[in-house]
Amino acid sequence: MQIPDLTGPCLGLSLLLAGASVAPPAAAAEPLLELPPKLQQALVDEMIAINEGVRALPEAIVKADWERLAETGRRIEQSYILKRRLSEDERGTLVQSLPDSFKYLDRRLHQHAGKLAQAAERRDGELVRFYFSRMLDSCAGCHAVYAKHRFPGYARPGSDGHQH
């Protein structure tokens, strides 16, 4: 019997738990995304829902719970809140208000979640773990640029906002 390599899921879980709090922004921090209050709240609610889904994935991975993996991946892929809660005009305003790089990272997250769901449907644990890690990369990349006020661990002392 071959023992599955759990390094990926365990590392992913460690990274997720290390930076997954949804704390309110620091008082002195300026928000990087300028959105009307309703859209800002919808985006925050969406991130909280995605976080809950992402937090469920490592347990489902190590248990090979293919149904839960597929279901969670599909829910993340299709968005939890934004498509259901916002009117067409509000979605248009949101799309126009978000920077292209934010939209790219968001799109990649949802694509990876869909591919994770497909891999789960095929019971391909290695591919599930790969797409889970890509999802974490998308989350971390976005947080490092747009949510340093929520995740101060991404702020580099002395970087003055300069990034490569």
N, C-alpha and C. Protein backbone atom coordinates (compact mmCIF):
# COMPACT_ATOMS: atom_id res chain seq x y z
N MET A 1 0.85 -1.19 0.00
CA MET A 1 0.00 0.00 0.00
C MET A 1 0.88 1.24 0.00
N GLN A 2 0.61 2.13 -0.90
CA GLN A 2 1.39 3.36 -1.00
C GLN A 2 0.74 4.44 -0.13
N ILE A 3 1.54 5.09 0.67
CA ILE A 3 1.05 6.16 1.53
C ILE A 3 1.06 7.46 0.74
N PRO A 4 -0.09 8.16 0.67
CA PRO A 4 -0.14 9.39 -0.12
C PRO A 4 0.76 10.47 0.49
N ASP A 5 1.34 11.26 -0.39
CA ASP A 5 2.18 12.37 0.05
C ASP A 5 1.26 13.52 0.48
N LEU A 6 1.29 13.85 1.75
CA LEU A 6 0.41 14.90 2.29
C LEU A 6 1.14 16.21 2.48
N THR A 7 2.36 16.30 1.95
CA THR A 7 3.15 17.52 2.11
C THR A 7 2.41 18.73 1.55
N GLY A 8 1.88 18.59 0.33
CA GLY A 8 1.18 19.73 -0.29
C GLY A 8 0.01 20.22 0.52
N PRO A 9 -0.95 19.32 0.87
CA PRO A 9 -2.09 19.79 1.64
C PRO A 9 -1.72 20.34 3.01
N CYS A 10 -0.75 19.69 3.67
CA CYS A 10 -0.37 20.16 5.00
C CYS A 10 0.32 21.52 4.93
N LEU A 11 1.19 21.69 3.93
CA LEU A 11 1.84 22.99 3.74
C LEU A 11 0.80 24.04 3.39
N GLY A 12 -0.12 23.69 2.49
CA GLY A 12 -1.17 24.62 2.11
C GLY A 12 -2.01 25.04 3.30
N LEU A 13 -2.37 24.06 4.13
CA LEU A 13 -3.16 24.37 5.32
C LEU A 13 -2.38 25.28 6.26
N SER A 14 -1.09 25.00 6.43
CA SER A 14 -0.27 25.86 7.30
C SER A 14 -0.24 27.28 6.77
N LEU A 15 -0.04 27.43 5.46
CA LEU A 15 -0.01 28.77 4.87
C LEU A 15 -1.36 29.45 5.02
N LEU A 16 -2.42 28.70 4.79
CA LEU A 16 -3.76 29.26 4.89
C LEU A 16 -4.07 29.73 6.30
N LEU A 17 -3.79 28.88 7.27
CA LEU A 17 -4.10 29.24 8.65
C LEU A 17 -3.21 30.37 9.15
N ALA A 18 -2.02 30.48 8.61
CA ALA A 18 -1.12 31.55 9.04
C ALA A 18 -1.61 32.91 8.57
N GLY A 19 -2.32 32.96 7.45
CA GLY A 19 -2.72 34.28 6.93
C GLY A 19 -4.19 34.40 6.63
N ALA A 20 -5.02 33.57 7.24
CA ALA A 20 -6.41 33.53 6.83
C ALA A 20 -7.36 34.33 7.71
N SER A 21 -6.86 35.05 8.67
CA SER A 21 -7.80 35.81 9.49
C SER A 21 -8.45 36.90 8.66
N VAL A 22 -9.63 37.24 9.03
CA VAL A 22 -10.36 38.27 8.31
C VAL A 22 -10.56 39.43 9.28
N ALA A 23 -9.45 39.98 9.70
CA ALA A 23 -9.48 41.06 10.68
C ALA A 23 -9.86 42.37 10.00
N PRO A 24 -10.44 43.29 10.74
CA PRO A 24 -10.75 44.58 10.16
C PRO A 24 -9.46 45.33 9.83
N PRO A 25 -9.51 46.23 8.85
CA PRO A 25 -8.30 46.95 8.48
C PRO A 25 -7.80 47.83 9.61
N ALA A 26 -6.49 48.00 9.63
CA ALA A 26 -5.89 48.89 10.64
C ALA A 26 -6.38 50.31 10.40
N ALA A 27 -6.55 51.05 11.46
CA ALA A 27 -7.11 52.40 11.36
C ALA A 27 -6.27 53.31 10.48
N ALA A 28 -4.96 53.16 10.51
CA ALA A 28 -4.10 54.06 9.74
C ALA A 28 -3.94 53.63 8.30
N ALA A 29 -4.37 52.42 7.96
CA ALA A 29 -4.17 51.92 6.60
C ALA A 29 -5.22 52.49 5.66
N GLU A 30 -4.76 52.85 4.48
CA GLU A 30 -5.67 53.32 3.44
C GLU A 30 -6.11 52.12 2.61
N PRO A 31 -7.40 51.95 2.34
CA PRO A 31 -7.82 50.84 1.50
C PRO A 31 -7.25 51.01 0.09
N LEU A 32 -6.84 49.90 -0.49
CA LEU A 32 -6.26 49.95 -1.82
C LEU A 32 -7.30 49.88 -2.92
N LEU A 33 -8.49 49.41 -2.60
CA LEU A 33 -9.56 49.32 -3.57
C LEU A 33 -10.65 50.31 -3.18
N GLU A 34 -10.90 51.25 -4.04
CA GLU A 34 -11.92 52.26 -3.76
C GLU A 34 -13.24 51.80 -4.36
N LEU A 35 -14.16 51.38 -3.50
CA LEU A 35 -15.45 50.88 -3.94
C LEU A 35 -16.55 51.52 -3.12
N PRO A 36 -17.75 51.66 -3.72
CA PRO A 36 -18.89 52.11 -2.92
C PRO A 36 -19.11 51.12 -1.77
N PRO A 37 -19.65 51.58 -0.66
CA PRO A 37 -19.80 50.73 0.53
C PRO A 37 -20.49 49.39 0.27
N LYS A 38 -21.58 49.38 -0.49
CA LYS A 38 -22.29 48.11 -0.75
C LYS A 38 -21.40 47.14 -1.51
N LEU A 39 -20.65 47.64 -2.49
CA LEU A 39 -19.77 46.77 -3.26
C LEU A 39 -18.59 46.30 -2.42
N GLN A 40 -18.07 47.18 -1.59
CA GLN A 40 -16.97 46.80 -0.69
C GLN A 40 -17.43 45.69 0.25
N GLN A 41 -18.62 45.84 0.81
CA GLN A 41 -19.13 44.82 1.73
C GLN A 41 -19.38 43.51 1.00
N ALA A 42 -19.92 43.57 -0.21
CA ALA A 42 -20.15 42.36 -0.99
C ALA A 42 -18.84 41.65 -1.29
N LEU A 43 -17.79 42.42 -1.59
CA LEU A 43 -16.48 41.83 -1.86
C LEU A 43 -15.91 41.18 -0.60
N VAL A 44 -16.03 41.86 0.54
CA VAL A 44 -15.55 41.29 1.80
C VAL A 44 -16.33 40.02 2.12
N ASP A 45 -17.65 40.04 1.96
CA ASP A 45 -18.46 38.85 2.22
C ASP A 45 -18.06 37.70 1.30
N GLU A 46 -17.76 38.03 0.05
CA GLU A 46 -17.31 37.02 -0.91
C GLU A 46 -15.99 36.39 -0.45
N MET A 47 -15.06 37.23 0.00
CA MET A 47 -13.76 36.71 0.45
C MET A 47 -13.92 35.83 1.69
N ILE A 48 -14.82 36.21 2.58
CA ILE A 48 -15.07 35.39 3.78
C ILE A 48 -15.64 34.04 3.36
N ALA A 49 -16.57 34.03 2.43
CA ALA A 49 -17.16 32.78 1.96
C ALA A 49 -16.12 31.91 1.26
N ILE A 50 -15.29 32.52 0.42
CA ILE A 50 -14.23 31.77 -0.25
C ILE A 50 -13.27 31.20 0.79
N ASN A 51 -12.92 31.99 1.79
CA ASN A 51 -12.04 31.53 2.85
C ASN A 51 -12.61 30.29 3.55
N GLU A 52 -13.91 30.31 3.81
CA GLU A 52 -14.54 29.15 4.45
C GLU A 52 -14.42 27.92 3.56
N GLY A 53 -14.64 28.10 2.26
CA GLY A 53 -14.50 26.98 1.33
C GLY A 53 -13.08 26.48 1.25
N VAL A 54 -12.13 27.41 1.16
CA VAL A 54 -10.72 27.02 1.06
C VAL A 54 -10.28 26.30 2.33
N ARG A 55 -10.77 26.73 3.46
CA ARG A 55 -10.40 26.09 4.74
C ARG A 55 -10.93 24.66 4.82
N ALA A 56 -12.01 24.35 4.12
CA ALA A 56 -12.57 23.00 4.13
C ALA A 56 -11.79 22.04 3.23
N LEU A 57 -11.07 22.58 2.28
CA LEU A 57 -10.40 21.72 1.28
C LEU A 57 -9.32 20.81 1.85
N PRO A 58 -8.42 21.26 2.72
CA PRO A 58 -7.37 20.33 3.19
C PRO A 58 -7.93 19.08 3.87
N GLU A 59 -8.94 19.23 4.69
CA GLU A 59 -9.53 18.06 5.33
C GLU A 59 -10.13 17.13 4.29
N ALA A 60 -10.83 17.70 3.32
CA ALA A 60 -11.42 16.87 2.26
C ALA A 60 -10.32 16.20 1.42
N ILE A 61 -9.20 16.88 1.23
CA ILE A 61 -8.09 16.30 0.47
C ILE A 61 -7.53 15.09 1.20
N VAL A 62 -7.21 15.24 2.47
CA VAL A 62 -6.58 14.14 3.19
C VAL A 62 -7.55 12.98 3.42
N LYS A 63 -8.84 13.23 3.36
CA LYS A 63 -9.83 12.17 3.51
C LYS A 63 -10.26 11.60 2.16
N ALA A 64 -9.76 12.18 1.07
CA ALA A 64 -10.18 11.80 -0.28
C ALA A 64 -11.70 11.87 -0.41
N ASP A 65 -12.27 12.94 0.12
CA ASP A 65 -13.71 13.16 0.06
C ASP A 65 -14.02 13.85 -1.26
N TRP A 66 -14.08 13.05 -2.32
CA TRP A 66 -14.19 13.57 -3.68
C TRP A 66 -15.44 14.42 -3.87
N GLU A 67 -16.54 14.00 -3.28
CA GLU A 67 -17.79 14.75 -3.44
C GLU A 67 -17.67 16.14 -2.83
N ARG A 68 -17.14 16.20 -1.63
CA ARG A 68 -16.98 17.50 -0.96
C ARG A 68 -15.99 18.39 -1.72
N LEU A 69 -14.91 17.79 -2.22
CA LEU A 69 -13.93 18.55 -3.00
C LEU A 69 -14.57 19.13 -4.26
N ALA A 70 -15.30 18.30 -4.97
CA ALA A 70 -15.94 18.76 -6.21
C ALA A 70 -16.96 19.85 -5.92
N GLU A 71 -17.78 19.64 -4.89
CA GLU A 71 -18.81 20.62 -4.54
C GLU A 71 -18.19 21.95 -4.11
N THR A 72 -17.19 21.89 -3.26
CA THR A 72 -16.55 23.12 -2.78
C THR A 72 -15.84 23.83 -3.92
N GLY A 73 -15.14 23.08 -4.75
CA GLY A 73 -14.47 23.68 -5.90
C GLY A 73 -15.46 24.38 -6.81
N ARG A 74 -16.59 23.75 -7.08
CA ARG A 74 -17.61 24.37 -7.95
C ARG A 74 -18.20 25.63 -7.32
N ARG A 75 -18.44 25.58 -6.00
CA ARG A 75 -19.00 26.77 -5.34
C ARG A 75 -18.02 27.95 -5.43
N ILE A 76 -16.74 27.67 -5.24
CA ILE A 76 -15.76 28.74 -5.34
C ILE A 76 -15.65 29.21 -6.79
N GLU A 77 -15.65 28.28 -7.71
CA GLU A 77 -15.56 28.64 -9.13
C GLU A 77 -16.70 29.58 -9.54
N GLN A 78 -17.88 29.30 -9.08
CA GLN A 78 -19.07 30.04 -9.52
C GLN A 78 -19.36 31.26 -8.67
N SER A 79 -18.57 31.54 -7.71
CA SER A 79 -18.75 32.65 -6.76
C SER A 79 -19.90 32.33 -5.81
N TYR A 80 -19.73 32.84 -4.64
CA TYR A 80 -20.74 32.60 -3.62
C TYR A 80 -21.80 33.69 -3.63
N ILE A 81 -21.36 34.94 -3.66
CA ILE A 81 -22.24 36.04 -3.33
C ILE A 81 -22.37 37.05 -4.47
N LEU A 82 -21.27 37.45 -5.05
CA LEU A 82 -21.27 38.59 -5.97
C LEU A 82 -22.28 38.44 -7.10
N LYS A 83 -22.36 37.27 -7.70
CA LYS A 83 -23.27 37.10 -8.83
C LYS A 83 -24.73 37.06 -8.39
N ARG A 84 -24.97 36.67 -7.14
CA ARG A 84 -26.35 36.54 -6.66
C ARG A 84 -26.86 37.81 -6.00
N ARG A 85 -25.99 38.54 -5.31
CA ARG A 85 -26.44 39.66 -4.50
C ARG A 85 -26.49 40.97 -5.27
N LEU A 86 -25.64 41.13 -6.25
CA LEU A 86 -25.52 42.42 -6.94
C LEU A 86 -26.36 42.46 -8.21
N SER A 87 -26.91 43.64 -8.49
CA SER A 87 -27.63 43.83 -9.74
C SER A 87 -26.61 43.87 -10.89
N GLU A 88 -27.12 43.80 -12.09
CA GLU A 88 -26.24 43.86 -13.27
C GLU A 88 -25.46 45.17 -13.29
N ASP A 89 -26.11 46.28 -12.96
CA ASP A 89 -25.43 47.57 -12.92
C ASP A 89 -24.34 47.60 -11.86
N GLU A 90 -24.64 47.04 -10.69
CA GLU A 90 -23.64 47.00 -9.61
C GLU A 90 -22.45 46.12 -10.00
N ARG A 91 -22.72 45.00 -10.65
CA ARG A 91 -21.61 44.14 -11.11
C ARG A 91 -20.76 44.90 -12.12
N GLY A 92 -21.41 45.67 -13.00
CA GLY A 92 -20.67 46.48 -13.97
C GLY A 92 -19.80 47.52 -13.28
N THR A 93 -20.34 48.18 -12.27
CA THR A 93 -19.56 49.16 -11.50
C THR A 93 -18.38 48.49 -10.82
N LEU A 94 -18.62 47.30 -10.26
CA LEU A 94 -17.55 46.57 -9.59
C LEU A 94 -16.44 46.23 -10.57
N VAL A 95 -16.81 45.71 -11.72
CA VAL A 95 -15.81 45.33 -12.73
C VAL A 95 -15.00 46.56 -13.17
N GLN A 96 -15.67 47.69 -13.35
CA GLN A 96 -14.98 48.92 -13.77
C GLN A 96 -14.09 49.47 -12.67
N SER A 97 -14.45 49.22 -11.42
CA SER A 97 -13.72 49.78 -10.28
C SER A 97 -12.47 49.00 -9.90
N LEU A 98 -12.43 47.73 -10.25
CA LEU A 98 -11.31 46.88 -9.84
C LEU A 98 -10.17 46.96 -10.84
N PRO A 99 -8.95 47.01 -10.36
CA PRO A 99 -7.78 47.02 -11.25
C PRO A 99 -7.69 45.71 -12.03
N ASP A 100 -7.10 45.78 -13.22
CA ASP A 100 -6.97 44.60 -14.07
C ASP A 100 -6.22 43.47 -13.36
N SER A 101 -5.19 43.82 -12.60
CA SER A 101 -4.41 42.76 -11.93
C SER A 101 -5.25 42.06 -10.86
N PHE A 102 -6.13 42.78 -10.19
CA PHE A 102 -7.03 42.16 -9.22
C PHE A 102 -7.98 41.21 -9.95
N LYS A 103 -8.55 41.66 -11.06
CA LYS A 103 -9.48 40.82 -11.82
C LYS A 103 -8.77 39.58 -12.35
N TYR A 104 -7.52 39.72 -12.76
CA TYR A 104 -6.76 38.58 -13.25
C TYR A 104 -6.59 37.54 -12.14
N LEU A 105 -6.14 37.99 -10.96
CA LEU A 105 -5.93 37.07 -9.85
C LEU A 105 -7.24 36.42 -9.42
N ASP A 106 -8.31 37.18 -9.41
CA ASP A 106 -9.62 36.65 -9.05
C ASP A 106 -10.06 35.60 -10.07
N ARG A 107 -9.90 35.92 -11.34
CA ARG A 107 -10.27 34.98 -12.40
C ARG A 107 -9.48 33.68 -12.27
N ARG A 108 -8.18 33.81 -11.99
CA ARG A 108 -7.34 32.62 -11.83
C ARG A 108 -7.80 31.77 -10.64
N LEU A 109 -8.14 32.39 -9.54
CA LEU A 109 -8.65 31.65 -8.38
C LEU A 109 -9.85 30.81 -8.78
N HIS A 110 -10.81 31.44 -9.44
CA HIS A 110 -12.03 30.74 -9.82
C HIS A 110 -11.75 29.65 -10.85
N GLN A 111 -10.83 29.89 -11.79
CA GLN A 111 -10.46 28.86 -12.76
C GLN A 111 -9.81 27.66 -12.06
N HIS A 112 -8.90 27.95 -11.15
CA HIS A 112 -8.24 26.86 -10.43
C HIS A 112 -9.24 26.06 -9.59
N ALA A 113 -10.20 26.74 -8.99
CA ALA A 113 -11.23 26.04 -8.21
C ALA A 113 -12.04 25.11 -9.11
N GLY A 114 -12.36 25.57 -10.31
CA GLY A 114 -13.08 24.72 -11.26
C GLY A 114 -12.26 23.51 -11.68
N LYS A 115 -10.97 23.73 -11.90
CA LYS A 115 -10.10 22.61 -12.27
C LYS A 115 -9.92 21.64 -11.11
N LEU A 116 -9.88 22.17 -9.88
CA LEU A 116 -9.83 21.31 -8.71
C LEU A 116 -11.09 20.43 -8.67
N ALA A 117 -12.24 21.02 -8.94
CA ALA A 117 -13.50 20.26 -8.94
C ALA A 117 -13.45 19.16 -10.01
N GLN A 118 -12.97 19.49 -11.18
CA GLN A 118 -12.86 18.49 -12.25
C GLN A 118 -11.92 17.36 -11.84
N ALA A 119 -10.79 17.70 -11.24
CA ALA A 119 -9.84 16.68 -10.79
C ALA A 119 -10.48 15.80 -9.71
N ALA A 120 -11.27 16.40 -8.83
CA ALA A 120 -11.95 15.62 -7.79
C ALA A 120 -12.97 14.66 -8.41
N GLU A 121 -13.65 15.12 -9.42
CA GLU A 121 -14.61 14.25 -10.11
C GLU A 121 -13.92 13.06 -10.75
N ARG A 122 -12.66 13.22 -11.15
CA ARG A 122 -11.87 12.13 -11.73
C ARG A 122 -11.09 11.36 -10.65
N ARG A 123 -11.23 11.82 -9.40
CA ARG A 123 -10.53 11.20 -8.26
C ARG A 123 -9.01 11.21 -8.45
N ASP A 124 -8.54 12.34 -8.93
CA ASP A 124 -7.10 12.53 -9.17
C ASP A 124 -6.54 13.40 -8.05
N GLY A 125 -6.09 12.74 -6.98
CA GLY A 125 -5.63 13.45 -5.79
C GLY A 125 -4.43 14.34 -6.05
N GLU A 126 -3.51 13.89 -6.88
CA GLU A 126 -2.33 14.71 -7.18
C GLU A 126 -2.73 16.01 -7.86
N LEU A 127 -3.66 15.94 -8.81
CA LEU A 127 -4.10 17.14 -9.51
C LEU A 127 -4.94 18.04 -8.59
N VAL A 128 -5.72 17.43 -7.71
CA VAL A 128 -6.47 18.22 -6.72
C VAL A 128 -5.51 19.04 -5.88
N ARG A 129 -4.45 18.38 -5.39
CA ARG A 129 -3.47 19.10 -4.56
C ARG A 129 -2.77 20.19 -5.35
N PHE A 130 -2.47 19.94 -6.62
CA PHE A 130 -1.84 20.94 -7.47
C PHE A 130 -2.74 22.17 -7.59
N TYR A 131 -4.01 21.97 -7.91
CA TYR A 131 -4.90 23.13 -8.08
C TYR A 131 -5.21 23.82 -6.76
N PHE A 132 -5.20 23.08 -5.67
CA PHE A 132 -5.34 23.72 -4.36
C PHE A 132 -4.16 24.66 -4.13
N SER A 133 -2.96 24.22 -4.45
CA SER A 133 -1.80 25.10 -4.27
C SER A 133 -1.88 26.31 -5.19
N ARG A 134 -2.39 26.15 -6.40
CA ARG A 134 -2.55 27.29 -7.32
C ARG A 134 -3.60 28.26 -6.76
N MET A 135 -4.65 27.73 -6.13
CA MET A 135 -5.65 28.60 -5.51
C MET A 135 -5.00 29.44 -4.41
N LEU A 136 -4.18 28.79 -3.58
CA LEU A 136 -3.50 29.52 -2.51
C LEU A 136 -2.57 30.58 -3.08
N ASP A 137 -1.90 30.26 -4.18
CA ASP A 137 -1.03 31.24 -4.83
C ASP A 137 -1.83 32.47 -5.27
N SER A 138 -3.00 32.23 -5.85
CA SER A 138 -3.85 33.35 -6.28
C SER A 138 -4.28 34.20 -5.10
N CYS A 139 -4.71 33.54 -4.03
CA CYS A 139 -5.13 34.27 -2.83
C CYS A 139 -3.98 35.09 -2.26
N ALA A 140 -2.84 34.43 -2.09
CA ALA A 140 -1.69 35.11 -1.49
C ALA A 140 -1.20 36.25 -2.38
N GLY A 141 -1.19 36.04 -3.69
CA GLY A 141 -0.76 37.11 -4.60
C GLY A 141 -1.64 38.33 -4.51
N CYS A 142 -2.93 38.12 -4.42
CA CYS A 142 -3.86 39.24 -4.31
C CYS A 142 -3.73 39.92 -2.96
N HIS A 143 -3.64 39.14 -1.89
CA HIS A 143 -3.51 39.72 -0.56
C HIS A 143 -2.22 40.52 -0.42
N ALA A 144 -1.15 40.04 -1.05
CA ALA A 144 0.14 40.74 -0.96
C ALA A 144 0.09 42.11 -1.62
N VAL A 145 -0.78 42.26 -2.61
CA VAL A 145 -0.87 43.54 -3.32
C VAL A 145 -2.01 44.40 -2.80
N TYR A 146 -3.18 43.80 -2.59
CA TYR A 146 -4.39 44.58 -2.31
C TYR A 146 -4.90 44.51 -0.88
N ALA A 147 -4.31 43.68 -0.05
CA ALA A 147 -4.88 43.53 1.30
C ALA A 147 -3.81 43.52 2.38
N LYS A 148 -2.74 44.28 2.18
CA LYS A 148 -1.70 44.35 3.22
C LYS A 148 -2.26 44.94 4.51
N HIS A 149 -3.27 45.77 4.38
CA HIS A 149 -3.88 46.34 5.58
C HIS A 149 -4.64 45.28 6.38
N ARG A 150 -5.06 44.22 5.75
CA ARG A 150 -5.72 43.11 6.45
C ARG A 150 -4.74 42.01 6.82
N PHE A 151 -3.66 41.90 6.04
CA PHE A 151 -2.66 40.85 6.23
C PHE A 151 -1.29 41.51 6.31
N PRO A 152 -0.96 42.13 7.44
CA PRO A 152 0.27 42.92 7.53
C PRO A 152 1.55 42.10 7.34
N GLY A 153 1.46 40.80 7.40
CA GLY A 153 2.63 39.97 7.15
C GLY A 153 3.17 40.12 5.75
N TYR A 154 2.35 40.59 4.82
CA TYR A 154 2.80 40.80 3.45
C TYR A 154 3.57 42.11 3.27
N ALA A 155 3.44 43.02 4.21
CA ALA A 155 4.17 44.29 4.11
C ALA A 155 5.64 44.03 4.44
N ARG A 156 6.50 44.48 3.57
CA ARG A 156 7.93 44.32 3.79
C ARG A 156 8.50 45.62 4.33
N PRO A 157 9.16 45.54 5.48
CA PRO A 157 9.76 46.76 6.03
C PRO A 157 10.78 47.34 5.04
N GLY A 158 10.68 48.63 4.81
CA GLY A 158 11.64 49.33 3.95
C GLY A 158 11.42 49.14 2.48
N SER A 159 10.30 48.50 2.07
CA SER A 159 10.09 48.27 0.64
C SER A 159 9.47 49.48 -0.05
N ASP A 160 8.83 50.37 0.72
CA ASP A 160 8.22 51.57 0.17
C ASP A 160 7.31 51.26 -1.02
N GLY A 161 6.64 50.09 -0.97
CA GLY A 161 5.70 49.74 -2.02
C GLY A 161 6.34 49.21 -3.28
N HIS A 162 7.66 49.16 -3.34
CA HIS A 162 8.33 48.66 -4.54
C HIS A 162 8.26 47.14 -4.59
N GLN A 163 7.78 46.61 -5.71
CA GLN A 163 7.67 45.16 -5.85
C GLN A 163 8.23 44.73 -7.20
N HIS A 164 8.69 43.49 -7.24
CA HIS A 164 9.18 42.90 -8.50
C HIS A 164 8.20 41.89 -8.98
